[in-house]
PDB file of N, CA and C in Angstrom:
ATOM      1  N   MET A   1     -48.617  -7.734  -5.344  1.00  0.00           N
ATOM      2  CA  MET A   1     -47.339  -8.100  -5.919  1.00  0.00           C
ATOM      3  C   MET A   1     -46.291  -6.981  -5.725  1.00  0.00           C
ATOM      4  N   ALA A   2     -46.716  -5.758  -5.851  1.00  0.00           N
ATOM      5  CA  ALA A   2     -45.799  -4.628  -5.687  1.00  0.00           C
ATOM      6  C   ALA A   2     -45.280  -4.556  -4.251  1.00  0.00           C
ATOM      7  N   ALA A   3     -46.132  -4.869  -3.294  1.00  0.00           N
ATOM      8  CA  ALA A   3     -45.715  -4.843  -1.889  1.00  0.00           C
ATOM      9  C   ALA A   3     -44.660  -5.919  -1.621  1.00  0.00           C
ATOM     10  N   ALA A   4     -44.832  -7.078  -2.218  1.00  0.00           N
ATOM     11  CA  ALA A   4     -43.860  -8.170  -2.045  1.00  0.00           C
ATOM     12  C   ALA A   4     -42.510  -7.775  -2.631  1.00  0.00           C
ATOM     13  N   LYS A   5     -42.535  -7.152  -3.814  1.00  0.00           N
ATOM     14  CA  LYS A   5     -41.275  -6.714  -4.439  1.00  0.00           C
ATOM     15  C   LYS A   5     -40.581  -5.662  -3.576  1.00  0.00           C
ATOM     16  N   ARG A   6     -41.378  -4.745  -3.033  1.00  0.00           N
ATOM     17  CA  ARG A   6     -40.819  -3.696  -2.181  1.00  0.00           C
ATOM     18  C   ARG A   6     -40.194  -4.306  -0.929  1.00  0.00           C
ATOM     19  N   ALA A   7     -40.888  -5.273  -0.339  1.00  0.00           N
ATOM     20  CA  ALA A   7     -40.371  -5.933   0.865  1.00  0.00           C
ATOM     21  C   ALA A   7     -39.075  -6.668   0.561  1.00  0.00           C
ATOM     22  N   LEU A   8     -39.026  -7.377  -0.563  1.00  0.00           N
ATOM     23  CA  LEU A   8     -37.809  -8.102  -0.948  1.00  0.00           C
ATOM     24  C   LEU A   8     -36.664  -7.135  -1.229  1.00  0.00           C
ATOM     25  N   ARG A   9     -36.960  -6.015  -1.866  1.00  0.00           N
ATOM     26  CA  ARG A   9     -35.926  -5.021  -2.149  1.00  0.00           C
ATOM     27  C   ARG A   9     -35.368  -4.453  -0.842  1.00  0.00           C
ATOM     28  N   THR A  10     -36.265  -4.178   0.102  1.00  0.00           N
ATOM     29  CA  THR A  10     -35.845  -3.664   1.408  1.00  0.00           C
ATOM     30  C   THR A  10     -34.977  -4.674   2.149  1.00  0.00           C
ATOM     31  N   LEU A  11     -35.384  -5.940   2.107  1.00  0.00           N
ATOM     32  CA  LEU A  11     -34.587  -6.989   2.755  1.00  0.00           C
ATOM     33  C   LEU A  11     -33.214  -7.127   2.100  1.00  0.00           C
ATOM     34  N   ALA A  12     -33.172  -7.045   0.783  1.00  0.00           N
ATOM     35  CA  ALA A  12     -31.887  -7.163   0.073  1.00  0.00           C
ATOM     36  C   ALA A  12     -30.951  -6.028   0.461  1.00  0.00           C
ATOM     37  N   ARG A  13     -31.496  -4.814   0.561  1.00  0.00           N
ATOM     38  CA  ARG A  13     -30.660  -3.679   0.975  1.00  0.00           C
ATOM     39  C   ARG A  13     -30.149  -3.864   2.399  1.00  0.00           C
ATOM     40  N   ARG A  14     -31.017  -4.359   3.263  1.00  0.00           N
ATOM     41  CA  ARG A  14     -30.625  -4.586   4.660  1.00  0.00           C
ATOM     42  C   ARG A  14     -29.520  -5.634   4.741  1.00  0.00           C
ATOM     43  N   ILE A  15     -29.640  -6.698   3.963  1.00  0.00           N
ATOM     44  CA  ILE A  15     -28.606  -7.747   3.944  1.00  0.00           C
ATOM     45  C   ILE A  15     -27.275  -7.172   3.476  1.00  0.00           C
ATOM     46  N   GLN A  16     -27.311  -6.365   2.422  1.00  0.00           N
ATOM     47  CA  GLN A  16     -26.073  -5.755   1.929  1.00  0.00           C
ATOM     48  C   GLN A  16     -25.454  -4.843   2.988  1.00  0.00           C
ATOM     49  N   SER A  17     -26.294  -4.089   3.664  1.00  0.00           N
ATOM     50  CA  SER A  17     -25.808  -3.195   4.711  1.00  0.00           C
ATOM     51  C   SER A  17     -25.167  -3.987   5.848  1.00  0.00           C
ATOM     52  N   LEU A  18     -25.812  -5.071   6.261  1.00  0.00           N
ATOM     53  CA  LEU A  18     -25.258  -5.893   7.343  1.00  0.00           C
ATOM     54  C   LEU A  18     -23.957  -6.571   6.920  1.00  0.00           C
ATOM     55  N   GLU A  19     -23.872  -7.012   5.677  1.00  0.00           N
ATOM     56  CA  GLU A  19     -22.629  -7.632   5.195  1.00  0.00           C
ATOM     57  C   GLU A  19     -21.482  -6.636   5.209  1.00  0.00           C
ATOM     58  N   GLN A  20     -21.756  -5.384   4.837  1.00  0.00           N
ATOM     59  CA  GLN A  20     -20.718  -4.350   4.884  1.00  0.00           C
ATOM     60  C   GLN A  20     -20.302  -4.066   6.329  1.00  0.00           C
ATOM     61  N   GLU A  21     -21.266  -4.040   7.231  1.00  0.00           N
ATOM     62  CA  GLU A  21     -20.963  -3.809   8.633  1.00  0.00           C
ATOM     63  C   GLU A  21     -20.116  -4.948   9.201  1.00  0.00           C
ATOM     64  N   ILE A  22     -20.439  -6.173   8.830  1.00  0.00           N
ATOM     65  CA  ILE A  22     -19.655  -7.336   9.279  1.00  0.00           C
ATOM     66  C   ILE A  22     -18.224  -7.226   8.783  1.00  0.00           C
ATOM     67  N   GLU A  23     -18.046  -6.820   7.524  1.00  0.00           N
ATOM     68  CA  GLU A  23     -16.696  -6.654   6.965  1.00  0.00           C
ATOM     69  C   GLU A  23     -15.875  -5.654   7.782  1.00  0.00           C
ATOM     70  N   VAL A  24     -16.483  -4.523   8.101  1.00  0.00           N
ATOM     71  CA  VAL A  24     -15.796  -3.481   8.865  1.00  0.00           C
ATOM     72  C   VAL A  24     -15.435  -3.996  10.263  1.00  0.00           C
ATOM     73  N   LEU A  25     -16.392  -4.651  10.923  1.00  0.00           N
ATOM     74  CA  LEU A  25     -16.148  -5.140  12.283  1.00  0.00           C
ATOM     75  C   LEU A  25     -15.095  -6.245  12.303  1.00  0.00           C
ATOM     76  N   LEU A  26     -15.114  -7.146  11.305  1.00  0.00           N
ATOM     77  CA  LEU A  26     -14.082  -8.187  11.238  1.00  0.00           C
ATOM     78  C   LEU A  26     -12.703  -7.585  11.002  1.00  0.00           C
ATOM     79  N   SER A  27     -12.652  -6.544  10.211  1.00  0.00           N
ATOM     80  CA  SER A  27     -11.376  -5.859   9.980  1.00  0.00           C
ATOM     81  C   SER A  27     -10.858  -5.249  11.278  1.00  0.00           C
ATOM     82  N   ASP A  28     -11.758  -4.617  12.038  1.00  0.00           N
ATOM     83  CA  ASP A  28     -11.372  -4.046  13.329  1.00  0.00           C
ATOM     84  C   ASP A  28     -10.901  -5.140  14.286  1.00  0.00           C
ATOM     85  N   LEU A  29     -11.641  -6.243  14.325  1.00  0.00           N
ATOM     86  CA  LEU A  29     -11.296  -7.354  15.207  1.00  0.00           C
ATOM     87  C   LEU A  29      -9.960  -7.967  14.802  1.00  0.00           C
ATOM     88  N   ASP A  30      -9.716  -8.030  13.495  1.00  0.00           N
ATOM     89  CA  ASP A  30      -8.445  -8.538  12.991  1.00  0.00           C
ATOM     90  C   ASP A  30      -7.297  -7.664  13.483  1.00  0.00           C
ATOM     91  N   SER A  31      -7.460  -6.361  13.371  1.00  0.00           N
ATOM     92  CA  SER A  31      -6.415  -5.430  13.824  1.00  0.00           C
ATOM     93  C   SER A  31      -6.169  -5.563  15.326  1.00  0.00           C
ATOM     94  N   LEU A  32      -7.249  -5.663  16.083  1.00  0.00           N
ATOM     95  CA  LEU A  32      -7.114  -5.773  17.537  1.00  0.00           C
ATOM     96  C   LEU A  32      -6.424  -7.069  17.952  1.00  0.00           C
ATOM     97  N   THR A  33      -6.813  -8.195  17.360  1.00  0.00           N
ATOM     98  CA  THR A  33      -6.191  -9.466  17.751  1.00  0.00           C
ATOM     99  C   THR A  33      -4.734  -9.518  17.308  1.00  0.00           C
ATOM    100  N   GLN A  34      -4.415  -8.912  16.169  1.00  0.00           N
ATOM    101  CA  GLN A  34      -3.016  -8.857  15.728  1.00  0.00           C
ATOM    102  C   GLN A  34      -2.186  -8.019  16.686  1.00  0.00           C
ATOM    103  N   ALA A  35      -2.756  -6.926  17.170  1.00  0.00           N
ATOM    104  CA  ALA A  35      -2.019  -6.037  18.072  1.00  0.00           C
ATOM    105  C   ALA A  35      -1.803  -6.678  19.436  1.00  0.00           C
ATOM    106  N   VAL A  36      -2.816  -7.382  19.951  1.00  0.00           N
ATOM    107  CA  VAL A  36      -2.731  -7.947  21.295  1.00  0.00           C
ATOM    108  C   VAL A  36      -1.858  -9.187  21.330  1.00  0.00           C
ATOM    109  N   CYS A  37      -1.994 -10.059  20.340  1.00  0.00           N
ATOM    110  CA  CYS A  37      -1.260 -11.324  20.372  1.00  0.00           C
ATOM    111  C   CYS A  37      -0.913 -11.788  18.954  1.00  0.00           C
ATOM    112  N   PRO A  38       0.102 -11.188  18.352  1.00  0.00           N
ATOM    113  CA  PRO A  38       0.431 -11.539  16.972  1.00  0.00           C
ATOM    114  C   PRO A  38       0.859 -12.999  16.807  1.00  0.00           C
ATOM    115  N   GLY A  39       1.485 -13.574  17.814  1.00  0.00           N
ATOM    116  CA  GLY A  39       1.903 -14.972  17.717  1.00  0.00           C
ATOM    117  C   GLY A  39       0.726 -15.910  17.581  1.00  0.00           C
ATOM    118  N   LEU A  40      -0.351 -15.600  18.270  1.00  0.00           N
ATOM    119  CA  LEU A  40      -1.556 -16.419  18.190  1.00  0.00           C
ATOM    120  C   LEU A  40      -2.143 -16.371  16.792  1.00  0.00           C
ATOM    121  N   ARG A  41      -2.206 -15.204  16.202  1.00  0.00           N
ATOM    122  CA  ARG A  41      -2.807 -15.053  14.884  1.00  0.00           C
ATOM    123  C   ARG A  41      -1.956 -15.681  13.785  1.00  0.00           C
ATOM    124  N   GLN A  42      -0.655 -15.808  14.019  1.00  0.00           N
ATOM    125  CA  GLN A  42       0.205 -16.414  13.013  1.00  0.00           C
ATOM    126  C   GLN A  42       0.205 -17.927  13.104  1.00  0.00           C
ATOM    127  N   THR A  43      -0.434 -18.470  14.128  1.00  0.00           N
ATOM    128  CA  THR A  43      -0.501 -19.915  14.304  1.00  0.00           C
ATOM    129  C   THR A  43      -1.428 -20.509  13.260  1.00  0.00           C
ATOM    130  N   CYS A  44      -0.986 -21.597  12.689  1.00  0.00           N
ATOM    131  CA  CYS A  44      -1.751 -22.242  11.625  1.00  0.00           C
ATOM    132  C   CYS A  44      -3.135 -22.651  12.127  1.00  0.00           C
ATOM    133  N   GLY A  45      -4.163 -22.241  11.415  1.00  0.00           N
ATOM    134  CA  GLY A  45      -5.524 -22.627  11.748  1.00  0.00           C
ATOM    135  C   GLY A  45      -6.238 -21.700  12.712  1.00  0.00           C
ATOM    136  N   VAL A  46      -5.558 -20.657  13.189  1.00  0.00           N
ATOM    137  CA  VAL A  46      -6.193 -19.722  14.125  1.00  0.00           C
ATOM    138  C   VAL A  46      -6.535 -18.449  13.362  1.00  0.00           C
ATOM    139  N   GLY A  47      -7.829 -18.243  13.181  1.00  0.00           N
ATOM    140  CA  GLY A  47      -8.303 -17.058  12.484  1.00  0.00           C
ATOM    141  C   GLY A  47      -8.770 -15.988  13.445  1.00  0.00           C
ATOM    142  N   VAL A  48      -9.436 -15.007  12.887  1.00  0.00           N
ATOM    143  CA  VAL A  48      -9.905 -13.873  13.676  1.00  0.00           C
ATOM    144  C   VAL A  48     -10.874 -14.326  14.771  1.00  0.00           C
ATOM    145  N   ASP A  49     -11.852 -15.152  14.396  1.00  0.00           N
ATOM    146  CA  ASP A  49     -12.863 -15.582  15.362  1.00  0.00           C
ATOM    147  C   ASP A  49     -12.256 -16.397  16.502  1.00  0.00           C
ATOM    148  N   SER A  50     -11.415 -17.362  16.155  1.00  0.00           N
ATOM    149  CA  SER A  50     -10.800 -18.210  17.181  1.00  0.00           C
ATOM    150  C   SER A  50      -9.914 -17.395  18.114  1.00  0.00           C
ATOM    151  N   ALA A  51      -9.126 -16.509  17.538  1.00  0.00           N
ATOM    152  CA  ALA A  51      -8.230 -15.694  18.351  1.00  0.00           C
ATOM    153  C   ALA A  51      -9.017 -14.778  19.290  1.00  0.00           C
ATOM    154  N   ALA A  52     -10.073 -14.159  18.779  1.00  0.00           N
ATOM    155  CA  ALA A  52     -10.876 -13.267  19.605  1.00  0.00           C
ATOM    156  C   ALA A  52     -11.551 -14.036  20.739  1.00  0.00           C
ATOM    157  N   THR A  53     -12.048 -15.222  20.433  1.00  0.00           N
ATOM    158  CA  THR A  53     -12.703 -16.035  21.452  1.00  0.00           C
ATOM    159  C   THR A  53     -11.714 -16.444  22.534  1.00  0.00           C
ATOM    160  N   LEU A  54     -10.544 -16.914  22.129  1.00  0.00           N
ATOM    161  CA  LEU A  54      -9.538 -17.339  23.098  1.00  0.00           C
ATOM    162  C   LEU A  54      -9.044 -16.170  23.939  1.00  0.00           C
ATOM    163  N   LEU A  55      -8.803 -15.040  23.303  1.00  0.00           N
ATOM    164  CA  LEU A  55      -8.331 -13.868  24.050  1.00  0.00           C
ATOM    165  C   LEU A  55      -9.400 -13.349  25.004  1.00  0.00           C
ATOM    166  N   THR A  56     -10.653 -13.498  24.624  1.00  0.00           N
ATOM    167  CA  THR A  56     -11.732 -13.104  25.522  1.00  0.00           C
ATOM    168  C   THR A  56     -11.770 -14.021  26.736  1.00  0.00           C
ATOM    169  N   ALA A  57     -11.584 -15.320  26.501  1.00  0.00           N
ATOM    170  CA  ALA A  57     -11.616 -16.289  27.601  1.00  0.00           C
ATOM    171  C   ALA A  57     -10.399 -16.135  28.509  1.00  0.00           C
ATOM    172  N   ALA A  58      -9.230 -16.001  27.919  1.00  0.00           N
ATOM    173  CA  ALA A  58      -7.995 -15.948  28.706  1.00  0.00           C
ATOM    174  C   ALA A  58      -7.728 -14.556  29.257  1.00  0.00           C
ATOM    175  N   GLY A  59      -8.236 -13.550  28.592  1.00  0.00           N
ATOM    176  CA  GLY A  59      -7.973 -12.181  29.020  1.00  0.00           C
ATOM    177  C   GLY A  59      -6.510 -11.832  28.834  1.00  0.00           C
ATOM    178  N   ASP A  60      -6.030 -10.918  29.616  1.00  0.00           N
ATOM    179  CA  ASP A  60      -4.629 -10.497  29.527  1.00  0.00           C
ATOM    180  C   ASP A  60      -3.718 -11.395  30.350  1.00  0.00           C
ATOM    181  N   ASN A  61      -4.273 -12.442  30.947  1.00  0.00           N
ATOM    182  CA  ASN A  61      -3.504 -13.287  31.850  1.00  0.00           C
ATOM    183  C   ASN A  61      -3.720 -14.768  31.543  1.00  0.00           C
ATOM    184  N   PRO A  62      -3.094 -15.295  30.477  1.00  0.00           N
ATOM    185  CA  PRO A  62      -3.290 -16.708  30.154  1.00  0.00           C
ATOM    186  C   PRO A  62      -2.718 -17.641  31.223  1.00  0.00           C
ATOM    187  N   GLU A  63      -1.859 -17.120  32.110  1.00  0.00           N
ATOM    188  CA  GLU A  63      -1.290 -17.949  33.170  1.00  0.00           C
ATOM    189  C   GLU A  63      -2.323 -18.297  34.241  1.00  0.00           C
ATOM    190  N   ARG A  64      -3.503 -17.675  34.175  1.00  0.00           N
ATOM    191  CA  ARG A  64      -4.526 -17.965  35.182  1.00  0.00           C
ATOM    192  C   ARG A  64      -5.041 -19.387  35.076  1.00  0.00           C
ATOM    193  N   PHE A  65      -4.831 -20.028  33.927  1.00  0.00           N
ATOM    194  CA  PHE A  65      -5.191 -21.434  33.788  1.00  0.00           C
ATOM    195  C   PHE A  65      -4.025 -22.251  34.313  1.00  0.00           C
ATOM    196  N   ARG A  66      -4.222 -22.858  35.465  1.00  0.00           N
ATOM    197  CA  ARG A  66      -3.126 -23.598  36.095  1.00  0.00           C
ATOM    198  C   ARG A  66      -2.886 -24.940  35.409  1.00  0.00           C
ATOM    199  N   SER A  67      -3.908 -25.431  34.697  1.00  0.00           N
ATOM    200  CA  SER A  67      -3.763 -26.727  34.039  1.00  0.00           C
ATOM    201  C   SER A  67      -4.662 -26.776  32.815  1.00  0.00           C
ATOM    202  N   ASP A  68      -4.456 -27.816  32.020  1.00  0.00           N
ATOM    203  CA  ASP A  68      -5.324 -28.046  30.867  1.00  0.00           C
ATOM    204  C   ASP A  68      -6.760 -28.271  31.323  1.00  0.00           C
ATOM    205  N   ALA A  69      -6.925 -28.908  32.469  1.00  0.00           N
ATOM    206  CA  ALA A  69      -8.255 -29.193  32.990  1.00  0.00           C
ATOM    207  C   ALA A  69      -9.008 -27.900  33.327  1.00  0.00           C
ATOM    208  N   GLY A  70      -8.299 -26.914  33.844  1.00  0.00           N
ATOM    209  CA  GLY A  70      -8.934 -25.635  34.152  1.00  0.00           C
ATOM    210  C   GLY A  70      -9.425 -24.935  32.906  1.00  0.00           C
ATOM    211  N   PHE A  71      -8.624 -24.997  31.847  1.00  0.00           N
ATOM    212  CA  PHE A  71      -9.033 -24.394  30.582  1.00  0.00           C
ATOM    213  C   PHE A  71     -10.215 -25.151  29.991  1.00  0.00           C
ATOM    214  N   ALA A  72     -10.179 -26.476  30.072  1.00  0.00           N
ATOM    215  CA  ALA A  72     -11.287 -27.290  29.563  1.00  0.00           C
ATOM    216  C   ALA A  72     -12.573 -26.984  30.326  1.00  0.00           C
ATOM    217  N   ALA A  73     -12.466 -26.789  31.633  1.00  0.00           N
ATOM    218  CA  ALA A  73     -13.645 -26.466  32.439  1.00  0.00           C
ATOM    219  C   ALA A  73     -14.238 -25.128  32.012  1.00  0.00           C
ATOM    220  N   LEU A  74     -13.380 -24.152  31.758  1.00  0.00           N
ATOM    221  CA  LEU A  74     -13.859 -22.855  31.314  1.00  0.00           C
ATOM    222  C   LEU A  74     -14.591 -22.970  29.980  1.00  0.00           C
ATOM    223  N   CYS A  75     -14.090 -23.826  29.111  1.00  0.00           N
ATOM    224  CA  CYS A  75     -14.705 -24.006  27.796  1.00  0.00           C
ATOM    225  C   CYS A  75     -15.918 -24.922  27.835  1.00  0.00           C
ATOM    226  N   GLY A  76     -16.159 -25.551  28.971  1.00  0.00           N
ATOM    227  CA  GLY A  76     -17.323 -26.422  29.108  1.00  0.00           C
ATOM    228  C   GLY A  76     -17.151 -27.793  28.496  1.00  0.00           C
ATOM    229  N   VAL A  77     -15.921 -28.264  28.408  1.00  0.00           N
ATOM    230  CA  VAL A  77     -15.677 -29.584  27.813  1.00  0.00           C
ATOM    231  C   VAL A  77     -14.969 -30.527  28.778  1.00  0.00           C
ATOM    232  N   SER A  78     -15.162 -30.311  30.067  1.00  0.00           N
ATOM    233  CA  SER A  78     -14.569 -31.208  31.061  1.00  0.00           C
ATOM    234  C   SER A  78     -15.207 -32.587  30.948  1.00  0.00           C
ATOM    235  N   PRO A  79     -14.416 -33.641  31.193  1.00  0.00           N
ATOM    236  CA  PRO A  79     -14.987 -34.988  31.174  1.00  0.00           C
ATOM    237  C   PRO A  79     -16.078 -35.136  32.239  1.00  0.00           C
ATOM    238  N   LEU A  80     -17.133 -35.852  31.891  1.00  0.00           N
ATOM    239  CA  LEU A  80     -18.235 -36.074  32.814  1.00  0.00           C
ATOM    240  C   LEU A  80     -18.121 -37.454  33.429  1.00  0.00           C
ATOM    241  N   PRO A  81     -18.368 -37.589  34.735  1.00  0.00           N
ATOM    242  CA  PRO A  81     -18.311 -38.910  35.356  1.00  0.00           C
ATOM    243  C   PRO A  81     -19.397 -39.819  34.761  1.00  0.00           C
ATOM    244  N   ALA A  82     -19.001 -41.042  34.424  1.00  0.00           N
ATOM    245  CA  ALA A  82     -19.942 -42.026  33.877  1.00  0.00           C
ATOM    246  C   ALA A  82     -19.674 -43.370  34.531  1.00  0.00           C
ATOM    247  N   SER A  83     -19.551 -43.355  35.837  1.00  0.00           N
ATOM    248  CA  SER A  83     -19.189 -44.560  36.580  1.00  0.00           C
ATOM    249  C   SER A  83     -20.433 -45.356  36.958  1.00  0.00           C
ATOM    250  N   SER A  84     -20.233 -46.666  37.041  1.00  0.00           N
ATOM    251  CA  SER A  84     -21.305 -47.528  37.540  1.00  0.00           C
ATOM    252  C   SER A  84     -20.655 -48.678  38.294  1.00  0.00           C
ATOM    253  N   GLY A  85     -21.127 -48.929  39.489  1.00  0.00           N
ATOM    254  CA  GLY A  85     -20.551 -50.007  40.289  1.00  0.00           C
ATOM    255  C   GLY A  85     -19.097 -49.738  40.588  1.00  0.00           C
ATOM    256  N   LYS A  86     -18.250 -50.746  40.316  1.00  0.00           N
ATOM    257  CA  LYS A  86     -16.815 -50.606  40.585  1.00  0.00           C
ATOM    258  C   LYS A  86     -16.061 -49.971  39.416  1.00  0.00           C
ATOM    259  N   THR A  87     -16.757 -49.761  38.327  1.00  0.00           N
ATOM    260  CA  THR A  87     -16.117 -49.167  37.156  1.00  0.00           C
ATOM    261  C   THR A  87     -16.047 -47.660  37.323  1.00  0.00           C
ATOM    262  N   ASN A  88     -14.861 -47.120  37.174  1.00  0.00           N
ATOM    263  CA  ASN A  88     -14.662 -45.687  37.307  1.00  0.00           C
ATOM    264  C   ASN A  88     -14.195 -45.162  35.958  1.00  0.00           C
ATOM    265  N   ARG A  89     -15.079 -44.459  35.274  1.00  0.00           N
ATOM    266  CA  ARG A  89     -14.712 -43.917  33.964  1.00  0.00           C
ATOM    267  C   ARG A  89     -15.396 -42.577  33.753  1.00  0.00           C
ATOM    268  N   HIS A  90     -14.958 -41.894  32.709  1.00  0.00           N
ATOM    269  CA  HIS A  90     -15.506 -40.581  32.379  1.00  0.00           C
ATOM    270  C   HIS A  90     -15.835 -40.535  30.899  1.00  0.00           C
ATOM    271  N   LEU A  91     -16.856 -39.757  30.562  1.00  0.00           N
ATOM    272  CA  LEU A  91     -17.136 -39.468  29.166  1.00  0.00           C
ATOM    273  C   LEU A  91     -16.167 -38.368  28.770  1.00  0.00           C
ATOM    274  N   ALA A  92     -15.151 -38.753  28.044  1.00  0.00           N
ATOM    275  CA  ALA A  92     -14.071 -37.815  27.757  1.00  0.00           C
ATOM    276  C   ALA A  92     -14.342 -37.032  26.488  1.00  0.00           C
ATOM    277  N   ALA A  93     -14.031 -35.792  26.560  1.00  0.00           N
ATOM    278  CA  ALA A  93     -14.046 -34.941  25.384  1.00  0.00           C
ATOM    279  C   ALA A  93     -12.594 -34.669  25.025  1.00  0.00           C
ATOM    280  N   HIS A  94     -11.760 -35.726  25.087  1.00  0.00           N
ATOM    281  CA  HIS A  94     -10.318 -35.537  24.974  1.00  0.00           C
ATOM    282  C   HIS A  94      -9.894 -34.940  23.636  1.00  0.00           C
ATOM    283  N   LYS A  95     -10.616 -35.238  22.559  1.00  0.00           N
ATOM    284  CA  LYS A  95     -10.243 -34.639  21.274  1.00  0.00           C
ATOM    285  C   LYS A  95     -10.501 -33.143  21.304  1.00  0.00           C
ATOM    286  N   VAL A  96     -11.622 -32.752  21.875  1.00  0.00           N
ATOM    287  CA  VAL A  96     -11.938 -31.329  21.972  1.00  0.00           C
ATOM    288  C   VAL A  96     -10.955 -30.641  22.899  1.00  0.00           C
ATOM    289  N   VAL A  97     -10.682 -31.272  24.040  1.00  0.00           N
ATOM    290  CA  VAL A  97      -9.737 -30.690  24.994  1.00  0.00           C
ATOM    291  C   VAL A  97      -8.366 -30.542  24.337  1.00  0.00           C
ATOM    292  N   GLY A  98      -7.934 -31.566  23.617  1.00  0.00           N
ATOM    293  CA  GLY A  98      -6.640 -31.498  22.937  1.00  0.00           C
ATOM    294  C   GLY A  98      -6.579 -30.353  21.939  1.00  0.00           C
ATOM    295  N   ALA A  99      -7.659 -30.174  21.191  1.00  0.00           N
ATOM    296  CA  ALA A  99      -7.695 -29.088  20.214  1.00  0.00           C
ATOM    297  C   ALA A  99      -7.659 -27.734  20.910  1.00  0.00           C
ATOM    298  N   LEU A 100      -8.415 -27.593  21.998  1.00  0.00           N
ATOM    299  CA  LEU A 100      -8.439 -26.326  22.716  1.00  0.00           C
ATOM    300  C   LEU A 100      -7.092 -26.024  23.363  1.00  0.00           C
ATOM    301  N   VAL A 101      -6.479 -27.041  23.930  1.00  0.00           N
ATOM    302  CA  VAL A 101      -5.172 -26.842  24.553  1.00  0.00           C
ATOM    303  C   VAL A 101      -4.151 -26.468  23.486  1.00  0.00           C
ATOM    304  N   GLY A 102      -4.267 -27.073  22.319  1.00  0.00           N
ATOM    305  CA  GLY A 102      -3.375 -26.706  21.216  1.00  0.00           C
ATOM    306  C   GLY A 102      -3.502 -25.245  20.851  1.00  0.00           C
ATOM    307  N   VAL A 103      -4.726 -24.758  20.824  1.00  0.00           N
ATOM    308  CA  VAL A 103      -4.941 -23.344  20.528  1.00  0.00           C
ATOM    309  C   VAL A 103      -4.428 -22.487  21.677  1.00  0.00           C
ATOM    310  N   ALA A 104      -4.660 -22.928  22.909  1.00  0.00           N
ATOM    311  CA  ALA A 104      -4.184 -22.160  24.063  1.00  0.00           C
ATOM    312  C   ALA A 104      -2.659 -22.077  24.061  1.00  0.00           C
ATOM    313  N   ASP A 105      -2.007 -23.171  23.698  1.00  0.00           N
ATOM    314  CA  ASP A 105      -0.548 -23.158  23.632  1.00  0.00           C
ATOM    315  C   ASP A 105      -0.046 -22.230  22.527  1.00  0.00           C
ATOM    316  N   ALA A 106      -0.917 -21.917  21.591  1.00  0.00           N
ATOM    317  CA  ALA A 106      -0.523 -21.097  20.457  1.00  0.00           C
ATOM    318  C   ALA A 106      -0.251 -19.654  20.836  1.00  0.00           C
ATOM    319  N   VAL A 107      -0.555 -19.282  22.063  1.00  0.00           N
ATOM    320  CA  VAL A 107      -0.227 -17.932  22.495  1.00  0.00           C
ATOM    321  C   VAL A 107       1.273 -17.730  22.344  1.00  0.00           C
ATOM    322  N   GLU A 108       2.023 -18.809  22.537  1.00  0.00           N
ATOM    323  CA  GLU A 108       3.463 -18.771  22.308  1.00  0.00           C
ATOM    324  C   GLU A 108       3.767 -19.043  20.840  1.00  0.00           C
ATOM    325  N   GLY A 109       2.778 -19.363  20.069  1.00  0.00           N
ATOM    326  CA  GLY A 109       2.595 -19.780  18.686  1.00  0.00           C
ATOM    327  C   GLY A 109       3.755 -20.042  17.778  1.00  0.00           C
ATOM    328  N   GLU A 110       3.518 -21.021  16.957  1.00  0.00           N
ATOM    329  CA  GLU A 110       4.372 -21.356  15.836  1.00  0.00           C
ATOM    330  C   GLU A 110       3.682 -20.857  14.582  1.00  0.00           C
ATOM    331  N   PRO A 111       4.401 -20.218  13.673  1.00  0.00           N
ATOM    332  CA  PRO A 111       3.750 -19.776  12.439  1.00  0.00           C
ATOM    333  C   PRO A 111       3.373 -20.967  11.564  1.00  0.00           C
ATOM    334  N   CYS A 112       2.436 -20.732  10.665  1.00  0.00           N
ATOM    335  CA  CYS A 112       2.027 -21.784   9.718  1.00  0.00           C
ATOM    336  C   CYS A 112       3.216 -22.173   8.854  1.00  0.00           C
ATOM    337  N   PRO A 113       3.367 -23.482   8.592  1.00  0.00           N
ATOM    338  CA  PRO A 113       4.424 -23.887   7.661  1.00  0.00           C
ATOM    339  C   PRO A 113       4.078 -23.426   6.250  1.00  0.00           C
ATOM    340  N   PRO A 114       5.063 -23.245   5.398  1.00  0.00           N
ATOM    341  CA  PRO A 114       4.784 -22.813   4.026  1.00  0.00           C
ATOM    342  C   PRO A 114       3.837 -23.794   3.333  1.00  0.00           C
ATOM    343  N   GLY A 115       2.861 -23.259   2.649  1.00  0.00           N
ATOM    344  CA  GLY A 115       1.921 -24.099   1.901  1.00  0.00           C
ATOM    345  C   GLY A 115       0.774 -24.617   2.727  1.00  0.00           C
ATOM    346  N   ALA A 116       0.711 -24.285   4.019  1.00  0.00           N
ATOM    347  CA  ALA A 116      -0.380 -24.801   4.859  1.00  0.00           C
ATOM    348  C   ALA A 116      -1.594 -23.912   4.765  1.00  0.00           C
TER     349      ALA A 116
END
């Protein structure tokens, strides 16, 4: 029983330590994303994680995406061909693509409306 208590105490300390480390790293990431692209971070619904992910994907050159389709391909949400016979159609991830393009457009960003 004493060994189990010791193990649980050790795990609890480790969890607390990791939570503190996460706090510090998120604060650093927040500062970095604010410095690199403040307009993106002020966009409604774009937090630290989303901004960091988008900035990592786009890099310092968001113009490298020539179209929405290129950005969707990078994110892995391009429509998949689902044609049969004379029917030509695609399995569209249009809602996901629309959301991603909305975030990508946020580099020029609109701030959150009051109360949002």
